[in-house]
Amino acid sequence: MTIEVIKNISVLFREEAQLPVPLLDYLKLNDLRINELLEDENRNGDLLLNSSWNKTP
């Protein structure tokens, strides 16, 4: 049996037609809190999750 363990998780935010950036950096740069980002109907973007896995025997 092989077990997969999450090695690394990162959350990115990508506004329209821009490269994704780490969510925390985006919030700091725009002086926002996460709830302000989620409630802002004028801000279009995607939250992206990146992860890597380790397989163990």
C-alpha atoms as a PDB file:
ATOM      1  CA  MET A   1       0.000   0.000   0.000  1.00  0.00           C
ATOM      2  CA  THR A   2       1.295   3.452  -0.917  1.00  0.00           C
ATOM      3  CA  ILE A   3       0.521   6.462   1.241  1.00  0.00           C
ATOM      4  CA  GLU A   4       0.662   9.969  -0.200  1.00  0.00           C
ATOM      5  CA  VAL A   5       1.617  12.775   2.176  1.00  0.00           C
ATOM      6  CA  ILE A   6       1.202  16.445   1.352  1.00  0.00           C
ATOM      7  CA  LYS A   7       4.648  17.988   1.172  1.00  0.00           C
ATOM      8  CA  ASN A   8       3.821  21.585   0.293  1.00  0.00           C
ATOM      9  CA  ILE A   9       0.661  23.669  -0.157  1.00  0.00           C
ATOM     10  CA  SER A  10       0.502  27.211  -1.484  1.00  0.00           C
ATOM     11  CA  VAL A  11      -2.488  29.447  -2.138  1.00  0.00           C
ATOM     12  CA  LEU A  12      -2.223  31.933  -4.988  1.00  0.00           C
ATOM     13  CA  PHE A  13      -4.504  34.687  -6.226  1.00  0.00           C
ATOM     14  CA  ARG A  14      -4.737  35.648  -9.885  1.00  0.00           C
ATOM     15  CA  GLU A  15      -6.591  38.718 -11.074  1.00  0.00           C
ATOM     16  CA  GLU A  16      -7.847  38.849 -14.639  1.00  0.00           C
ATOM     17  CA  ALA A  17      -5.055  38.489 -17.228  1.00  0.00           C
ATOM     18  CA  GLN A  18      -2.270  38.659 -14.629  1.00  0.00           C
ATOM     19  CA  LEU A  19       0.194  36.164 -13.251  1.00  0.00           C
ATOM     20  CA  PRO A  20      -0.764  34.460  -9.982  1.00  0.00           C
ATOM     21  CA  VAL A  21       0.892  35.716  -6.806  1.00  0.00           C
ATOM     22  CA  PRO A  22       0.934  34.262  -3.275  1.00  0.00           C
ATOM     23  CA  LEU A  23      -2.330  35.185  -1.573  1.00  0.00           C
ATOM     24  CA  LEU A  24      -0.642  36.666   1.508  1.00  0.00           C
ATOM     25  CA  ASP A  25       1.569  38.910  -0.665  1.00  0.00           C
ATOM     26  CA  TYR A  26      -1.473  40.073  -2.634  1.00  0.00           C
ATOM     27  CA  LEU A  27      -3.379  40.923   0.541  1.00  0.00           C
ATOM     28  CA  LYS A  28      -0.442  42.845   1.999  1.00  0.00           C
ATOM     29  CA  LEU A  29       0.251  44.716  -1.240  1.00  0.00           C
ATOM     30  CA  ASN A  30      -3.387  45.821  -1.531  1.00  0.00           C
ATOM     31  CA  ASP A  31      -3.868  46.387   2.225  1.00  0.00           C
ATOM     32  CA  LEU A  32      -6.741  43.883   2.323  1.00  0.00           C
ATOM     33  CA  ARG A  33      -8.069  41.236   4.672  1.00  0.00           C
ATOM     34  CA  ILE A  34      -9.274  37.944   3.237  1.00  0.00           C
ATOM     35  CA  ASN A  35     -12.930  38.741   3.977  1.00  0.00           C
ATOM     36  CA  GLU A  36     -12.605  42.069   2.111  1.00  0.00           C
ATOM     37  CA  LEU A  37     -11.205  40.243  -0.915  1.00  0.00           C
ATOM     38  CA  LEU A  38     -14.003  37.674  -0.898  1.00  0.00           C
ATOM     39  CA  GLU A  39     -16.776  40.245  -0.419  1.00  0.00           C
ATOM     40  CA  ASP A  40     -15.549  42.689  -3.098  1.00  0.00           C
ATOM     41  CA  GLU A  41     -17.896  42.128  -6.048  1.00  0.00           C
ATOM     42  CA  ASN A  42     -15.836  44.420  -8.304  1.00  0.00           C
ATOM     43  CA  ARG A  43     -12.647  42.342  -7.975  1.00  0.00           C
ATOM     44  CA  ASN A  44     -12.420  39.462 -10.443  1.00  0.00           C
ATOM     45  CA  GLY A  45      -9.914  36.720  -9.847  1.00  0.00           C
ATOM     46  CA  ASP A  46      -9.228  33.113  -8.970  1.00  0.00           C
ATOM     47  CA  LEU A  47      -7.858  31.419  -5.891  1.00  0.00           C
ATOM     48  CA  LEU A  48      -5.420  28.683  -6.904  1.00  0.00           C
ATOM     49  CA  LEU A  49      -4.106  25.847  -4.746  1.00  0.00           C
ATOM     50  CA  ASN A  50      -0.751  24.278  -5.548  1.00  0.00           C
ATOM     51  CA  SER A  51       0.439  21.179  -3.770  1.00  0.00           C
ATOM     52  CA  SER A  52       3.161  18.579  -4.024  1.00  0.00           C
ATOM     53  CA  TRP A  53       3.016  15.060  -2.651  1.00  0.00           C
ATOM     54  CA  ASN A  54       5.463  12.510  -1.299  1.00  0.00           C
ATOM     55  CA  LYS A  55       4.715   8.838  -1.808  1.00  0.00           C
ATOM     56  CA  THR A  56       5.805   6.511   0.972  1.00  0.00           C
ATOM     57  CA  PRO A  57       5.752   2.734   0.775  1.00  0.00           C
END
